[in-house]
Every structure is written in C-alpha cells, then in structure tokens.
PDB file of N, CA and C in Angstrom:
ATOM      1  N   MET A   1    -105.712 189.353 -59.830  1.00  0.00           N
ATOM      2  CA  MET A   1    -106.402 188.277 -60.416  1.00  0.00           C
ATOM      3  C   MET A   1    -106.178 187.211 -60.907  1.00  0.00           C
ATOM      4  N   PRO A   2    -106.448 186.331 -60.655  1.00  0.00           N
ATOM      5  CA  PRO A   2    -106.421 184.512 -61.584  1.00  0.00           C
ATOM      6  C   PRO A   2    -105.990 184.916 -62.792  1.00  0.00           C
ATOM      7  N   GLY A   3    -105.800 184.006 -63.578  1.00  0.00           N
ATOM      8  CA  GLY A   3    -105.079 183.937 -64.787  1.00  0.00           C
ATOM      9  C   GLY A   3    -106.070 182.764 -65.083  1.00  0.00           C
ATOM     10  N   ALA A   4    -106.004 182.235 -66.512  1.00  0.00           N
ATOM     11  CA  ALA A   4    -106.527 181.545 -67.354  1.00  0.00           C
ATOM     12  C   ALA A   4    -106.569 179.553 -66.555  1.00  0.00           C
ATOM     13  N   PRO A   5    -105.307 179.730 -66.559  1.00  0.00           N
ATOM     14  CA  PRO A   5    -105.944 178.102 -65.655  1.00  0.00           C
ATOM     15  C   PRO A   5    -106.462 178.113 -64.569  1.00  0.00           C
ATOM     16  N   GLU A   6    -106.532 178.836 -63.474  1.00  0.00           N
ATOM     17  CA  GLU A   6    -106.844 178.845 -62.081  1.00  0.00           C
ATOM     18  C   GLU A   6    -108.364 178.967 -62.588  1.00  0.00           C
ATOM     19  N   LEU A   7    -108.601 180.053 -63.386  1.00  0.00           N
ATOM     20  CA  LEU A   7    -110.368 180.101 -63.767  1.00  0.00           C
ATOM     21  C   LEU A   7    -110.605 178.949 -64.392  1.00  0.00           C
ATOM     22  N   LEU A   8    -109.904 178.031 -64.803  1.00  0.00           N
ATOM     23  CA  LEU A   8    -110.421 176.994 -65.458  1.00  0.00           C
ATOM     24  C   LEU A   8    -110.909 175.980 -64.203  1.00  0.00           C
ATOM     25  N   ILE A   9    -109.760 176.170 -63.201  1.00  0.00           N
ATOM     26  CA  ILE A   9    -110.136 175.031 -62.442  1.00  0.00           C
ATOM     27  C   ILE A   9    -110.714 175.456 -61.499  1.00  0.00           C
ATOM     28  N   ILE A  10    -111.302 176.766 -61.342  1.00  0.00           N
ATOM     29  CA  ILE A  10    -112.445 176.859 -60.478  1.00  0.00           C
ATOM     30  C   ILE A  10    -113.641 177.482 -60.898  1.00  0.00           C
ATOM     31  N   LEU A  11    -114.189 177.181 -62.314  1.00  0.00           N
ATOM     32  CA  LEU A  11    -115.115 176.347 -62.745  1.00  0.00           C
ATOM     33  C   LEU A  11    -115.250 175.218 -62.491  1.00  0.00           C
ATOM     34  N   ALA A  12    -114.380 174.469 -63.182  1.00  0.00           N
ATOM     35  CA  ALA A  12    -114.187 172.878 -63.171  1.00  0.00           C
ATOM     36  C   ALA A  12    -115.029 172.247 -61.418  1.00  0.00           C
ATOM     37  N   ILE A  13    -113.886 173.170 -60.707  1.00  0.00           N
ATOM     38  CA  ILE A  13    -114.724 172.563 -58.974  1.00  0.00           C
ATOM     39  C   ILE A  13    -116.049 173.120 -58.940  1.00  0.00           C
ATOM     40  N   VAL A  14    -116.337 174.278 -59.652  1.00  0.00           N
ATOM     41  CA  VAL A  14    -117.662 175.149 -59.040  1.00  0.00           C
ATOM     42  C   VAL A  14    -118.972 173.760 -60.008  1.00  0.00           C
ATOM     43  N   PHE A  15    -118.491 173.320 -61.023  1.00  0.00           N
ATOM     44  CA  PHE A  15    -119.019 172.379 -62.016  1.00  0.00           C
ATOM     45  C   PHE A  15    -119.580 171.364 -61.416  1.00  0.00           C
ATOM     46  N   LEU A  16    -118.341 170.180 -60.678  1.00  0.00           N
ATOM     47  CA  LEU A  16    -118.816 169.970 -59.596  1.00  0.00           C
ATOM     48  C   LEU A  16    -119.370 169.591 -58.719  1.00  0.00           C
ATOM     49  N   VAL A  17    -119.850 170.301 -58.099  1.00  0.00           N
ATOM     50  CA  VAL A  17    -120.301 171.107 -56.505  1.00  0.00           C
ATOM     51  C   VAL A  17    -121.366 171.072 -56.492  1.00  0.00           C
ATOM     52  N   PHE A  18    -121.899 172.157 -58.192  1.00  0.00           N
ATOM     53  CA  PHE A  18    -123.030 172.245 -58.028  1.00  0.00           C
ATOM     54  C   PHE A  18    -124.163 171.617 -59.167  1.00  0.00           C
ATOM     55  N   GLY A  19    -123.183 171.202 -60.065  1.00  0.00           N
ATOM     56  CA  GLY A  19    -123.599 170.483 -60.799  1.00  0.00           C
ATOM     57  C   GLY A  19    -124.528 171.003 -62.100  1.00  0.00           C
ATOM     58  N   ALA A  20    -124.396 170.753 -63.229  1.00  0.00           N
ATOM     59  CA  ALA A  20    -124.984 171.505 -64.915  1.00  0.00           C
ATOM     60  C   ALA A  20    -126.018 172.138 -64.429  1.00  0.00           C
ATOM     61  N   SER A  21    -127.402 171.944 -63.851  1.00  0.00           N
ATOM     62  CA  SER A  21    -128.430 172.414 -63.948  1.00  0.00           C
ATOM     63  C   SER A  21    -128.656 173.208 -63.134  1.00  0.00           C
ATOM     64  N   ARG A  22    -127.967 173.120 -62.316  1.00  0.00           N
ATOM     65  CA  ARG A  22    -128.027 174.737 -61.100  1.00  0.00           C
ATOM     66  C   ARG A  22    -126.854 176.053 -61.388  1.00  0.00           C
ATOM     67  N   LEU A  23    -126.232 175.163 -62.080  1.00  0.00           N
ATOM     68  CA  LEU A  23    -125.310 176.575 -62.845  1.00  0.00           C
ATOM     69  C   LEU A  23    -126.137 177.627 -63.304  1.00  0.00           C
ATOM     70  N   PRO A  24    -127.123 177.658 -63.881  1.00  0.00           N
ATOM     71  CA  PRO A  24    -127.916 179.087 -64.751  1.00  0.00           C
ATOM     72  C   PRO A  24    -128.487 179.923 -63.727  1.00  0.00           C
ATOM     73  N   HIS A  25    -128.925 179.149 -62.390  1.00  0.00           N
ATOM     74  CA  HIS A  25    -129.959 179.249 -61.699  1.00  0.00           C
ATOM     75  C   HIS A  25    -128.744 180.345 -60.770  1.00  0.00           C
ATOM     76  N   LEU A  26    -128.139 179.462 -60.244  1.00  0.00           N
ATOM     77  CA  LEU A  26    -126.724 180.226 -59.419  1.00  0.00           C
ATOM     78  C   LEU A  26    -126.361 181.467 -60.098  1.00  0.00           C
ATOM     79  N   ALA A  27    -125.793 181.332 -61.817  1.00  0.00           N
ATOM     80  CA  ALA A  27    -125.113 182.565 -62.352  1.00  0.00           C
ATOM     81  C   ALA A  27    -126.303 183.824 -62.502  1.00  0.00           C
ATOM     82  N   ARG A  28    -127.684 183.138 -62.532  1.00  0.00           N
ATOM     83  CA  ARG A  28    -128.746 184.846 -62.315  1.00  0.00           C
ATOM     84  C   ARG A  28    -128.782 185.307 -60.985  1.00  0.00           C
ATOM     85  N   SER A  29    -128.975 184.434 -60.268  1.00  0.00           N
ATOM     86  CA  SER A  29    -128.996 184.925 -58.722  1.00  0.00           C
ATOM     87  C   SER A  29    -127.505 185.589 -58.436  1.00  0.00           C
ATOM     88  N   LEU A  30    -126.560 185.294 -58.309  1.00  0.00           N
ATOM     89  CA  LEU A  30    -125.343 186.331 -58.848  1.00  0.00           C
ATOM     90  C   LEU A  30    -125.467 187.722 -59.624  1.00  0.00           C
ATOM     91  N   GLY A  31    -126.396 187.171 -60.467  1.00  0.00           N
ATOM     92  CA  GLY A  31    -126.035 188.500 -61.375  1.00  0.00           C
ATOM     93  C   GLY A  31    -127.507 190.115 -60.801  1.00  0.00           C
ATOM     94  N   LYS A  32    -128.132 189.098 -60.224  1.00  0.00           N
ATOM     95  CA  LYS A  32    -129.184 190.028 -59.700  1.00  0.00           C
ATOM     96  C   LYS A  32    -128.391 190.694 -57.937  1.00  0.00           C
ATOM     97  N   ALA A  33    -127.716 189.836 -57.445  1.00  0.00           N
ATOM     98  CA  ALA A  33    -127.220 190.575 -56.347  1.00  0.00           C
ATOM     99  C   ALA A  33    -125.936 191.465 -56.103  1.00  0.00           C
ATOM    100  N   LYS A  34    -125.327 191.238 -57.637  1.00  0.00           N
ATOM    101  CA  LYS A  34    -124.484 192.493 -57.729  1.00  0.00           C
ATOM    102  C   LYS A  34    -125.083 193.458 -58.325  1.00  0.00           C
ATOM    103  N   SER A  35    -126.591 193.553 -58.959  1.00  0.00           N
ATOM    104  CA  SER A  35    -127.070 194.232 -59.413  1.00  0.00           C
ATOM    105  C   SER A  35    -127.400 195.198 -58.489  1.00  0.00           C
ATOM    106  N   GLU A  36    -128.574 194.737 -57.355  1.00  0.00           N
ATOM    107  CA  GLU A  36    -129.003 194.991 -55.853  1.00  0.00           C
ATOM    108  C   GLU A  36    -128.183 195.795 -55.247  1.00  0.00           C
ATOM    109  N   PHE A  37    -126.350 195.706 -54.915  1.00  0.00           N
ATOM    110  CA  PHE A  37    -125.584 195.558 -54.342  1.00  0.00           C
ATOM    111  C   PHE A  37    -124.958 196.974 -54.937  1.00  0.00           C
ATOM    112  N   HIS A  38    -125.584 196.885 -56.155  1.00  0.00           N
ATOM    113  CA  HIS A  38    -124.825 198.560 -57.249  1.00  0.00           C
ATOM    114  C   HIS A  38    -125.823 199.272 -56.691  1.00  0.00           C
ATOM    115  N   GLU A  39    -127.199 199.192 -57.036  1.00  0.00           N
ATOM    116  CA  GLU A  39    -128.102 199.978 -56.700  1.00  0.00           C
ATOM    117  C   GLU A  39    -128.274 200.528 -55.359  1.00  0.00           C
ATOM    118  N   GLY A  40    -128.118 199.820 -54.521  1.00  0.00           N
ATOM    119  CA  GLY A  40    -127.824 200.435 -52.872  1.00  0.00           C
ATOM    120  C   GLY A  40    -127.128 201.173 -52.692  1.00  0.00           C
ATOM    121  N   MET A  41    -125.518 201.086 -52.990  1.00  0.00           N
ATOM    122  CA  MET A  41    -124.129 202.024 -52.703  1.00  0.00           C
ATOM    123  C   MET A  41    -124.426 202.782 -53.611  1.00  0.00           C
ATOM    124  N   LYS A  42    -125.515 203.126 -54.904  1.00  0.00           N
ATOM    125  CA  LYS A  42    -125.503 204.602 -55.931  1.00  0.00           C
ATOM    126  C   LYS A  42    -126.935 205.321 -54.352  1.00  0.00           C
ATOM    127  N   GLU A  43    -127.470 204.676 -53.952  1.00  0.00           N
ATOM    128  CA  GLU A  43    -128.978 205.318 -52.986  1.00  0.00           C
ATOM    129  C   GLU A  43    -128.206 205.547 -51.588  1.00  0.00           C
ATOM    130  N   GLY A  44    -127.108 205.053 -51.721  1.00  0.00           N
ATOM    131  CA  GLY A  44    -126.383 205.826 -50.225  1.00  0.00           C
ATOM    132  C   GLY A  44    -125.455 206.468 -50.459  1.00  0.00           C
ATOM    133  N   ALA A  45    -125.226 206.666 -51.554  1.00  0.00           N
ATOM    134  CA  ALA A  45    -123.980 208.161 -52.457  1.00  0.00           C
ATOM    135  C   ALA A  45    -124.975 208.805 -51.801  1.00  0.00           C
ATOM    136  N   THR A  46    -126.322 209.305 -52.475  1.00  0.00           N
ATOM    137  CA  THR A  46    -127.105 210.402 -53.110  1.00  0.00           C
ATOM    138  C   THR A  46    -127.925 211.161 -51.479  1.00  0.00           C
ATOM    139  N   GLU A  47    -127.978 209.887 -50.541  1.00  0.00           N
ATOM    140  CA  GLU A  47    -128.294 210.093 -48.968  1.00  0.00           C
ATOM    141  C   GLU A  47    -127.129 210.955 -48.380  1.00  0.00           C
ATOM    142  N   LYS A  48    -128.413 212.431 -48.032  1.00  0.00           N
ATOM    143  CA  LYS A  48    -127.143 213.086 -46.716  1.00  0.00           C
ATOM    144  C   LYS A  48    -127.133 212.055 -45.552  1.00  0.00           C
ATOM    145  N   PRO A  49    -125.427 212.001 -45.056  1.00  0.00           N
ATOM    146  CA  PRO A  49    -125.261 211.471 -43.974  1.00  0.00           C
ATOM    147  C   PRO A  49    -125.863 212.248 -42.934  1.00  0.00           C
ATOM    148  N   GLU A  50    -126.211 210.961 -42.050  1.00  0.00           N
ATOM    149  CA  GLU A  50    -127.124 211.814 -40.328  1.00  0.00           C
ATOM    150  C   GLU A  50    -126.437 212.321 -39.660  1.00  0.00           C
ATOM    151  N   GLN A  51    -126.203 212.852 -38.457  1.00  0.00           N
ATOM    152  CA  GLN A  51    -125.758 213.047 -37.660  1.00  0.00           C
ATOM    153  C   GLN A  51    -126.341 212.008 -36.423  1.00  0.00           C
ATOM    154  N   PRO A  52    -125.180 211.612 -35.918  1.00  0.00           N
ATOM    155  CA  PRO A  52    -125.646 211.058 -34.851  1.00  0.00           C
ATOM    156  C   PRO A  52    -125.784 211.770 -33.590  1.00  0.00           C
ATOM    157  N   GLN A  53    -127.057 211.374 -33.222  1.00  0.00           N
ATOM    158  CA  GLN A  53    -127.720 212.293 -32.266  1.00  0.00           C
ATOM    159  C   GLN A  53    -127.396 211.800 -30.890  1.00  0.00           C
ATOM    160  N   GLU A  54    -127.087 212.130 -29.628  1.00  0.00           N
ATOM    161  CA  GLU A  54    -126.183 211.842 -28.390  1.00  0.00           C
ATOM    162  C   GLU A  54    -127.308 211.578 -27.757  1.00  0.00           C
ATOM    163  N   GLU A  55    -127.392 210.575 -26.671  1.00  0.00           N
ATOM    164  CA  GLU A  55    -127.911 210.613 -25.563  1.00  0.00           C
ATOM    165  C   GLU A  55    -128.016 210.941 -24.425  1.00  0.00           C
ATOM    166  N   PRO A  56    -129.004 211.878 -23.402  1.00  0.00           N
ATOM    167  CA  PRO A  56    -128.709 212.316 -23.169  1.00  0.00           C
ATOM    168  C   PRO A  56    -128.276 211.797 -21.860  1.00  0.00           C
ATOM    169  N   THR A  57    -127.244 211.648 -21.348  1.00  0.00           N
ATOM    170  CA  THR A  57    -126.891 211.552 -20.052  1.00  0.00           C
ATOM    171  C   THR A  57    -127.825 211.778 -18.653  1.00  0.00           C
ATOM    172  N   ALA A  58    -127.055 210.735 -17.657  1.00  0.00           N
ATOM    173  CA  ALA A  58    -128.685 210.332 -16.474  1.00  0.00           C
ATOM    174  C   ALA A  58    -128.568 212.342 -15.675  1.00  0.00           C
ATOM    175  N   GLU A  59    -127.134 213.174 -16.109  1.00  0.00           N
ATOM    176  CA  GLU A  59    -126.891 213.901 -15.125  1.00  0.00           C
ATOM    177  C   GLU A  59    -127.434 214.776 -15.783  1.00  0.00           C
ATOM    178  N   ALA A  60    -127.389 215.319 -17.014  1.00  0.00           N
ATOM    179  CA  ALA A  60    -127.538 215.988 -18.213  1.00  0.00           C
ATOM    180  C   ALA A  60    -129.648 216.105 -17.390  1.00  0.00           C
ATOM    181  N   ALA A  61    -130.277 215.336 -17.454  1.00  0.00           N
ATOM    182  CA  ALA A  61    -131.368 214.750 -17.959  1.00  0.00           C
ATOM    183  C   ALA A  61    -131.902 215.446 -16.246  1.00  0.00           C
ATOM    184  N   ALA A  62    -131.470 215.076 -15.271  1.00  0.00           N
ATOM    185  CA  ALA A  62    -131.412 215.456 -13.660  1.00  0.00           C
ATOM    186  C   ALA A  62    -131.179 217.021 -13.393  1.00  0.00           C
ATOM    187  N   GLU A  63    -130.183 217.743 -15.134  1.00  0.00           N
ATOM    188  CA  GLU A  63    -130.148 219.309 -14.452  1.00  0.00           C
ATOM    189  C   GLU A  63    -131.097 219.761 -15.701  1.00  0.00           C
ATOM    190  N   ALA A  64    -131.870 218.990 -16.234  1.00  0.00           N
ATOM    191  CA  ALA A  64    -132.978 219.665 -17.336  1.00  0.00           C
ATOM    192  C   ALA A  64    -134.082 219.296 -16.039  1.00  0.00           C
ATOM    193  N   ASP A  65    -134.292 218.250 -15.901  1.00  0.00           N
ATOM    194  CA  ASP A  65    -135.226 218.483 -14.422  1.00  0.00           C
ATOM    195  C   ASP A  65    -135.890 220.180 -13.751  1.00  0.00           C
ATOM    196  N   LYS A  66    -134.159 220.180 -13.261  1.00  0.00           N
ATOM    197  CA  LYS A  66    -134.357 221.296 -12.273  1.00  0.00           C
ATOM    198  C   LYS A  66    -134.463 222.053 -12.648  1.00  0.00           C
ATOM    199  N   THR A  67    -133.944 222.878 -13.918  1.00  0.00           N
ATOM    200  CA  THR A  67    -134.287 223.572 -14.878  1.00  0.00           C
ATOM    201  C   THR A  67    -135.888 223.972 -14.743  1.00  0.00           C
ATOM    202  N   SER A  68    -136.393 223.057 -15.049  1.00  0.00           N
ATOM    203  CA  SER A  68    -137.943 223.022 -15.817  1.00  0.00           C
ATOM    204  C   SER A  68    -139.183 223.599 -14.611  1.00  0.00           C
ATOM    205  N   ASP A  69    -138.258 222.590 -13.165  1.00  0.00           N
ATOM    206  CA  ASP A  69    -138.738 222.909 -12.134  1.00  0.00           C
ATOM    207  C   ASP A  69    -139.071 223.939 -11.732  1.00  0.00           C
ATOM    208  N   GLY A  70    -137.857 224.670 -11.592  1.00  0.00           N
ATOM    209  CA  GLY A  70    -137.729 226.056 -11.507  1.00  0.00           C
ATOM    210  C   GLY A  70    -138.144 227.299 -12.333  1.00  0.00           C
ATOM    211  N   ALA A  71    -138.135 226.852 -13.173  1.00  0.00           N
ATOM    212  CA  ALA A  71    -139.301 227.888 -14.597  1.00  0.00           C
ATOM    213  C   ALA A  71    -140.836 227.370 -13.767  1.00  0.00           C
ATOM    214  N   GLN A  72    -140.878 226.506 -13.890  1.00  0.00           N
ATOM    215  CA  GLN A  72    -142.661 226.700 -13.340  1.00  0.00           C
ATOM    216  C   GLN A  72    -143.364 226.940 -11.926  1.00  0.00           C
ATOM    217  N   SER A  73    -142.086 227.559 -11.218  1.00  0.00           N
ATOM    218  CA  SER A  73    -142.651 227.948  -9.958  1.00  0.00           C
ATOM    219  C   SER A  73    -142.893 228.798  -9.518  1.00  0.00           C
TER     220      SER A  73
END
C-alpha cells in the first residue's frame, strides 16, 4: 500500500494528465465501474456453476448412428 507521499505524487500526475475539469467525471466513472464489478461478483457467486458439456467425438457419433440404425431395422 503506498504511503501519503506516494499518493500525493500519483494524484498530482493524474491532475496534470487529465486536468481539473475531467477529474469529477473520471472519479464518477471509476465509482460506477467498481459498483458494477461488485454486483457482478455477487451475482456470479449466487449462480450455480454449470457443468461443461463434452462434445461427442466423431467415433462416438458413428457408434450412435450404427446402434440407432440397427434398432430401426
């Protein structure tokens, strides 16, 4: 965690780069992004994880076709 002198230097650089007129807009955008991130994390934690479904291989599909053709005859 940076101390007070480091934070002052960082804030001074941000002030010089973005200017005084854009700082409130920048801070508001960062706050909204942070709150949306936390909401997304909460939603992700409450959802059940889905099991990934495996795609059938070509061999498994060929075997399934053979067994279904034999059952219909």
